[in-house]
Amino acid sequence: MQYRSNLHLEQLAYGVGDTSNLTGLGRTSIYKWVKSGDLRATKCGRRTLFLAADIAAFLASLQQGDR
C-alpha cells in the first residue's frame, strides 16, 4: 500500500460520493472508469465502495499517463 501513504487517505474504503470528492471526478466519470475496468469497485450489499489502495493506484496510473 505504498500509494496510500503518499495520498494521505484516512479511510480504507470510500463510497462513490467520497471518491468523487477525493479525485475531483464526477460520478458519471467514476462509473465510466469502473465500466472500462480502469478503476476497481467493490460491492458491499447495495453500496459501491472503492478501496483506498485502488483509488491511489488509479490516480497513479493517470499521473503516469497509462490511461
PDB file of N, CA and C in Angstrom:
ATOM      1  N   MET A   1       0.818  -1.201   0.000  1.00  0.00           N
ATOM      2  CA  MET A   1       0.000   0.000   0.000  1.00  0.00           C
ATOM      3  C   MET A   1       0.854   1.254   0.000  1.00  0.00           C
ATOM      4  N   GLN A   2       1.842   1.304  -0.811  1.00  0.00           N
ATOM      5  CA  GLN A   2       2.707   2.466  -0.841  1.00  0.00           C
ATOM      6  C   GLN A   2       1.983   3.717  -1.328  1.00  0.00           C
ATOM      7  N   TYR A   3       0.998   3.564  -2.210  1.00  0.00           N
ATOM      8  CA  TYR A   3       0.270   4.714  -2.719  1.00  0.00           C
ATOM      9  C   TYR A   3      -0.543   5.389  -1.620  1.00  0.00           C
ATOM     10  N   ARG A   4      -1.085   4.583  -0.730  1.00  0.00           N
ATOM     11  CA  ARG A   4      -1.958   5.108   0.322  1.00  0.00           C
ATOM     12  C   ARG A   4      -1.237   6.147   1.171  1.00  0.00           C
ATOM     13  N   SER A   5       0.004   5.892   1.540  1.00  0.00           N
ATOM     14  CA  SER A   5       0.725   6.835   2.379  1.00  0.00           C
ATOM     15  C   SER A   5       1.062   8.118   1.624  1.00  0.00           C
ATOM     16  N   ASN A   6       1.236   8.023   0.320  1.00  0.00           N
ATOM     17  CA  ASN A   6       1.548   9.205  -0.470  1.00  0.00           C
ATOM     18  C   ASN A   6       0.361  10.156  -0.578  1.00  0.00           C
ATOM     19  N   LEU A   7      -0.845   9.614  -0.570  1.00  0.00           N
ATOM     20  CA  LEU A   7      -2.038  10.440  -0.735  1.00  0.00           C
ATOM     21  C   LEU A   7      -2.687  10.817   0.583  1.00  0.00           C
ATOM     22  N   HIS A   8      -2.225  10.252   1.671  1.00  0.00           N
ATOM     23  CA  HIS A   8      -2.763  10.542   2.997  1.00  0.00           C
ATOM     24  C   HIS A   8      -4.247  10.209   3.095  1.00  0.00           C
ATOM     25  N   LEU A   9      -4.634   9.075   2.524  1.00  0.00           N
ATOM     26  CA  LEU A   9      -6.015   8.619   2.625  1.00  0.00           C
ATOM     27  C   LEU A   9      -6.232   8.083   4.026  1.00  0.00           C
ATOM     28  N   GLU A  10      -7.330   8.471   4.647  1.00  0.00           N
ATOM     29  CA  GLU A  10      -7.572   8.131   6.034  1.00  0.00           C
ATOM     30  C   GLU A  10      -8.464   6.909   6.216  1.00  0.00           C
ATOM     31  N   GLN A  11      -9.316   6.637   5.268  1.00  0.00           N
ATOM     32  CA  GLN A  11     -10.225   5.508   5.359  1.00  0.00           C
ATOM     33  C   GLN A  11      -9.694   4.365   4.510  1.00  0.00           C
ATOM     34  N   LEU A  12     -10.204   3.178   4.736  1.00  0.00           N
ATOM     35  CA  LEU A  12      -9.822   2.030   3.916  1.00  0.00           C
ATOM     36  C   LEU A  12     -10.670   1.928   2.661  1.00  0.00           C
ATOM     37  N   ALA A  13     -11.903   2.439   2.721  1.00  0.00           N
ATOM     38  CA  ALA A  13     -12.804   2.380   1.579  1.00  0.00           C
ATOM     39  C   ALA A  13     -13.664   3.639   1.538  1.00  0.00           C
ATOM     40  N   TYR A  14     -14.068   4.006   0.332  1.00  0.00           N
ATOM     41  CA  TYR A  14     -14.852   5.221   0.112  1.00  0.00           C
ATOM     42  C   TYR A  14     -16.052   4.893  -0.765  1.00  0.00           C
ATOM     43  N   GLY A  15     -17.165   5.572  -0.519  1.00  0.00           N
ATOM     44  CA  GLY A  15     -18.336   5.460  -1.376  1.00  0.00           C
ATOM     45  C   GLY A  15     -18.133   6.269  -2.643  1.00  0.00           C
ATOM     46  N   VAL A  16     -19.107   6.222  -3.517  1.00  0.00           N
ATOM     47  CA  VAL A  16     -18.999   6.930  -4.800  1.00  0.00           C
ATOM     48  C   VAL A  16     -18.864   8.436  -4.585  1.00  0.00           C
ATOM     49  N   GLY A  17     -19.677   9.008  -3.711  1.00  0.00           N
ATOM     50  CA  GLY A  17     -19.612  10.448  -3.461  1.00  0.00           C
ATOM     51  C   GLY A  17     -18.275  10.879  -2.887  1.00  0.00           C
ATOM     52  N   ASP A  18     -17.779  10.117  -1.931  1.00  0.00           N
ATOM     53  CA  ASP A  18     -16.476  10.431  -1.341  1.00  0.00           C
ATOM     54  C   ASP A  18     -15.356  10.281  -2.361  1.00  0.00           C
ATOM     55  N   THR A  19     -15.452   9.261  -3.202  1.00  0.00           N
ATOM     56  CA  THR A  19     -14.444   9.058  -4.239  1.00  0.00           C
ATOM     57  C   THR A  19     -14.470  10.212  -5.232  1.00  0.00           C
ATOM     58  N   SER A  20     -15.661  10.686  -5.536  1.00  0.00           N
ATOM     59  CA  SER A  20     -15.805  11.839  -6.422  1.00  0.00           C
ATOM     60  C   SER A  20     -15.135  13.072  -5.818  1.00  0.00           C
ATOM     61  N   ASN A  21     -15.386  13.310  -4.541  1.00  0.00           N
ATOM     62  CA  ASN A  21     -14.772  14.455  -3.865  1.00  0.00           C
ATOM     63  C   ASN A  21     -13.256  14.328  -3.782  1.00  0.00           C
ATOM     64  N   LEU A  22     -12.791  13.121  -3.502  1.00  0.00           N
ATOM     65  CA  LEU A  22     -11.350  12.877  -3.377  1.00  0.00           C
ATOM     66  C   LEU A  22     -10.608  13.096  -4.681  1.00  0.00           C
ATOM     67  N   THR A  23     -11.183  12.602  -5.766  1.00  0.00           N
ATOM     68  CA  THR A  23     -10.485  12.617  -7.050  1.00  0.00           C
ATOM     69  C   THR A  23     -10.782  13.851  -7.892  1.00  0.00           C
ATOM     70  N   GLY A  24     -11.895  14.499  -7.601  1.00  0.00           N
ATOM     71  CA  GLY A  24     -12.298  15.630  -8.438  1.00  0.00           C
ATOM     72  C   GLY A  24     -13.034  15.191  -9.693  1.00  0.00           C
ATOM     73  N   LEU A  25     -13.319  13.897  -9.790  1.00  0.00           N
ATOM     74  CA  LEU A  25     -14.057  13.365 -10.928  1.00  0.00           C
ATOM     75  C   LEU A  25     -15.542  13.328 -10.598  1.00  0.00           C
ATOM     76  N   GLY A  26     -16.373  13.508 -11.590  1.00  0.00           N
ATOM     77  CA  GLY A  26     -17.811  13.397 -11.392  1.00  0.00           C
ATOM     78  C   GLY A  26     -18.229  11.946 -11.273  1.00  0.00           C
ATOM     79  N   ARG A  27     -19.424  11.737 -10.753  1.00  0.00           N
ATOM     80  CA  ARG A  27     -19.937  10.380 -10.576  1.00  0.00           C
ATOM     81  C   ARG A  27     -20.002   9.629 -11.901  1.00  0.00           C
ATOM     82  N   THR A  28     -20.419  10.320 -12.959  1.00  0.00           N
ATOM     83  CA  THR A  28     -20.516   9.684 -14.272  1.00  0.00           C
ATOM     84  C   THR A  28     -19.141   9.228 -14.747  1.00  0.00           C
ATOM     85  N   SER A  29     -18.134  10.064 -14.545  1.00  0.00           N
ATOM     86  CA  SER A  29     -16.770   9.692 -14.941  1.00  0.00           C
ATOM     87  C   SER A  29     -16.275   8.508 -14.123  1.00  0.00           C
ATOM     88  N   ILE A  30     -16.585   8.498 -12.842  1.00  0.00           N
ATOM     89  CA  ILE A  30     -16.166   7.379 -11.997  1.00  0.00           C
ATOM     90  C   ILE A  30     -16.772   6.081 -12.518  1.00  0.00           C
ATOM     91  N   TYR A  31     -18.058   6.084 -12.812  1.00  0.00           N
ATOM     92  CA  TYR A  31     -18.700   4.880 -13.318  1.00  0.00           C
ATOM     93  C   TYR A  31     -18.144   4.500 -14.691  1.00  0.00           C
ATOM     94  N   LYS A  32     -17.759   5.478 -15.495  1.00  0.00           N
ATOM     95  CA  LYS A  32     -17.142   5.190 -16.801  1.00  0.00           C
ATOM     96  C   LYS A  32     -15.824   4.458 -16.611  1.00  0.00           C
ATOM     97  N   TRP A  33     -14.999   4.916 -15.660  1.00  0.00           N
ATOM     98  CA  TRP A  33     -13.712   4.269 -15.395  1.00  0.00           C
ATOM     99  C   TRP A  33     -13.926   2.870 -14.824  1.00  0.00           C
ATOM    100  N   VAL A  34     -14.966   2.690 -14.015  1.00  0.00           N
ATOM    101  CA  VAL A  34     -15.273   1.361 -13.473  1.00  0.00           C
ATOM    102  C   VAL A  34     -15.668   0.424 -14.611  1.00  0.00           C
ATOM    103  N   LYS A  35     -16.551   0.907 -15.485  1.00  0.00           N
ATOM    104  CA  LYS A  35     -17.023   0.082 -16.595  1.00  0.00           C
ATOM    105  C   LYS A  35     -15.884  -0.317 -17.519  1.00  0.00           C
ATOM    106  N   SER A  36     -14.925   0.579 -17.711  1.00  0.00           N
ATOM    107  CA  SER A  36     -13.787   0.267 -18.584  1.00  0.00           C
ATOM    108  C   SER A  36     -12.780  -0.654 -17.908  1.00  0.00           C
ATOM    109  N   GLY A  37     -12.921  -0.833 -16.587  1.00  0.00           N
ATOM    110  CA  GLY A  37     -12.013  -1.711 -15.861  1.00  0.00           C
ATOM    111  C   GLY A  37     -10.774  -1.017 -15.329  1.00  0.00           C
ATOM    112  N   ASP A  38     -10.688   0.288 -15.522  1.00  0.00           N
ATOM    113  CA  ASP A  38      -9.516   1.037 -15.073  1.00  0.00           C
ATOM    114  C   ASP A  38      -9.557   1.377 -13.586  1.00  0.00           C
ATOM    115  N   LEU A  39     -10.739   1.479 -13.031  1.00  0.00           N
ATOM    116  CA  LEU A  39     -10.917   1.755 -11.606  1.00  0.00           C
ATOM    117  C   LEU A  39     -11.713   0.609 -11.006  1.00  0.00           C
ATOM    118  N   ARG A  40     -11.150  -0.018 -10.012  1.00  0.00           N
ATOM    119  CA  ARG A  40     -11.778  -1.192  -9.410  1.00  0.00           C
ATOM    120  C   ARG A  40     -12.781  -0.778  -8.333  1.00  0.00           C
ATOM    121  N   ALA A  41     -13.980  -1.343  -8.429  1.00  0.00           N
ATOM    122  CA  ALA A  41     -15.029  -1.101  -7.444  1.00  0.00           C
ATOM    123  C   ALA A  41     -15.331  -2.398  -6.717  1.00  0.00           C
ATOM    124  N   THR A  42     -15.768  -2.280  -5.479  1.00  0.00           N
ATOM    125  CA  THR A  42     -16.135  -3.429  -4.660  1.00  0.00           C
ATOM    126  C   THR A  42     -17.561  -3.218  -4.179  1.00  0.00           C
ATOM    127  N   LYS A  43     -18.384  -4.236  -4.310  1.00  0.00           N
ATOM    128  CA  LYS A  43     -19.760  -4.136  -3.835  1.00  0.00           C
ATOM    129  C   LYS A  43     -19.854  -4.680  -2.419  1.00  0.00           C
ATOM    130  N   CYS A  44     -20.577  -3.963  -1.583  1.00  0.00           N
ATOM    131  CA  CYS A  44     -20.870  -4.405  -0.219  1.00  0.00           C
ATOM    132  C   CYS A  44     -22.372  -4.220  -0.053  1.00  0.00           C
ATOM    133  N   GLY A  45     -23.102  -5.298  -0.275  1.00  0.00           N
ATOM    134  CA  GLY A  45     -24.553  -5.177  -0.315  1.00  0.00           C
ATOM    135  C   GLY A  45     -24.947  -4.351  -1.523  1.00  0.00           C
ATOM    136  N   ARG A  46     -25.677  -3.277  -1.284  1.00  0.00           N
ATOM    137  CA  ARG A  46     -26.094  -2.396  -2.375  1.00  0.00           C
ATOM    138  C   ARG A  46     -25.109  -1.264  -2.634  1.00  0.00           C
ATOM    139  N   ARG A  47     -24.165  -1.098  -1.725  1.00  0.00           N
ATOM    140  CA  ARG A  47     -23.200   0.005  -1.852  1.00  0.00           C
ATOM    141  C   ARG A  47     -22.046  -0.355  -2.772  1.00  0.00           C
ATOM    142  N   THR A  48     -21.596   0.634  -3.506  1.00  0.00           N
ATOM    143  CA  THR A  48     -20.389   0.506  -4.304  1.00  0.00           C
ATOM    144  C   THR A  48     -19.283   1.204  -3.539  1.00  0.00           C
ATOM    145  N   LEU A  49     -18.234   0.471  -3.240  1.00  0.00           N
ATOM    146  CA  LEU A  49     -17.114   1.020  -2.486  1.00  0.00           C
ATOM    147  C   LEU A  49     -15.843   0.951  -3.308  1.00  0.00           C
ATOM    148  N   PHE A  50     -14.961   1.879  -3.017  1.00  0.00           N
ATOM    149  CA  PHE A  50     -13.655   1.928  -3.663  1.00  0.00           C
ATOM    150  C   PHE A  50     -12.600   1.854  -2.568  1.00  0.00           C
ATOM    151  N   LEU A  51     -11.771   0.830  -2.617  1.00  0.00           N
ATOM    152  CA  LEU A  51     -10.706   0.702  -1.634  1.00  0.00           C
ATOM    153  C   LEU A  51      -9.683   1.806  -1.847  1.00  0.00           C
ATOM    154  N   ALA A  52      -9.148   2.327  -0.753  1.00  0.00           N
ATOM    155  CA  ALA A  52      -8.186   3.430  -0.833  1.00  0.00           C
ATOM    156  C   ALA A  52      -7.001   3.048  -1.720  1.00  0.00           C
ATOM    157  N   ALA A  53      -6.535   1.814  -1.607  1.00  0.00           N
ATOM    158  CA  ALA A  53      -5.398   1.361  -2.418  1.00  0.00           C
ATOM    159  C   ALA A  53      -5.745   1.375  -3.904  1.00  0.00           C
ATOM    160  N   ASP A  54      -6.983   1.024  -4.255  1.00  0.00           N
ATOM    161  CA  ASP A  54      -7.408   1.026  -5.656  1.00  0.00           C
ATOM    162  C   ASP A  54      -7.525   2.449  -6.197  1.00  0.00           C
ATOM    163  N   ILE A  55      -8.016   3.365  -5.378  1.00  0.00           N
ATOM    164  CA  ILE A  55      -8.093   4.774  -5.790  1.00  0.00           C
ATOM    165  C   ILE A  55      -6.690   5.317  -6.026  1.00  0.00           C
ATOM    166  N   ALA A  56      -5.793   5.036  -5.096  1.00  0.00           N
ATOM    167  CA  ALA A  56      -4.415   5.533  -5.216  1.00  0.00           C
ATOM    168  C   ALA A  56      -3.735   4.961  -6.451  1.00  0.00           C
ATOM    169  N   ALA A  57      -3.929   3.671  -6.720  1.00  0.00           N
ATOM    170  CA  ALA A  57      -3.316   3.050  -7.895  1.00  0.00           C
ATOM    171  C   ALA A  57      -3.886   3.653  -9.177  1.00  0.00           C
ATOM    172  N   PHE A  58      -5.189   3.901  -9.190  1.00  0.00           N
ATOM    173  CA  PHE A  58      -5.828   4.512 -10.357  1.00  0.00           C
ATOM    174  C   PHE A  58      -5.266   5.904 -10.618  1.00  0.00           C
ATOM    175  N   LEU A  59      -5.169   6.717  -9.578  1.00  0.00           N
ATOM    176  CA  LEU A  59      -4.637   8.069  -9.737  1.00  0.00           C
ATOM    177  C   LEU A  59      -3.176   8.048 -10.154  1.00  0.00           C
ATOM    178  N   ALA A  60      -2.409   7.114  -9.633  1.00  0.00           N
ATOM    179  CA  ALA A  60      -1.002   6.993 -10.025  1.00  0.00           C
ATOM    180  C   ALA A  60      -0.886   6.628 -11.500  1.00  0.00           C
ATOM    181  N   SER A  61      -1.788   5.766 -11.970  1.00  0.00           N
ATOM    182  CA  SER A  61      -1.746   5.383 -13.384  1.00  0.00           C
ATOM    183  C   SER A  61      -2.114   6.561 -14.280  1.00  0.00           C
ATOM    184  N   LEU A  62      -3.008   7.421 -13.811  1.00  0.00           N
ATOM    185  CA  LEU A  62      -3.347   8.623 -14.581  1.00  0.00           C
ATOM    186  C   LEU A  62      -2.141   9.561 -14.658  1.00  0.00           C
ATOM    187  N   GLN A  63      -1.454   9.687 -13.548  1.00  0.00           N
ATOM    188  CA  GLN A  63      -0.297  10.565 -13.484  1.00  0.00           C
ATOM    189  C   GLN A  63       0.814  10.075 -14.403  1.00  0.00           C
ATOM    190  N   GLN A  64       0.941   8.762 -14.515  1.00  0.00           N
ATOM    191  CA  GLN A  64       1.979   8.172 -15.367  1.00  0.00           C
ATOM    192  C   GLN A  64       1.571   8.152 -16.820  1.00  0.00           C
ATOM    193  N   GLY A  65       0.335   8.517 -17.107  1.00  0.00           N
ATOM    194  CA  GLY A  65      -0.137   8.539 -18.495  1.00  0.00           C
ATOM    195  C   GLY A  65      -0.541   7.187 -19.017  1.00  0.00           C
ATOM    196  N   ASP A  66      -0.797   6.227 -18.131  1.00  0.00           N
ATOM    197  CA  ASP A  66      -1.198   4.892 -18.557  1.00  0.00           C
ATOM    198  C   ASP A  66      -2.617   4.856 -19.082  1.00  0.00           C
ATOM    199  N   ARG A  67      -3.434   5.809 -18.754  1.00  0.00           N
ATOM    200  CA  ARG A  67      -4.838   5.803 -19.145  1.00  0.00           C
ATOM    201  C   ARG A  67      -5.102   6.891 -20.145  1.00  0.00           C
TER     202      ARG A  67
END
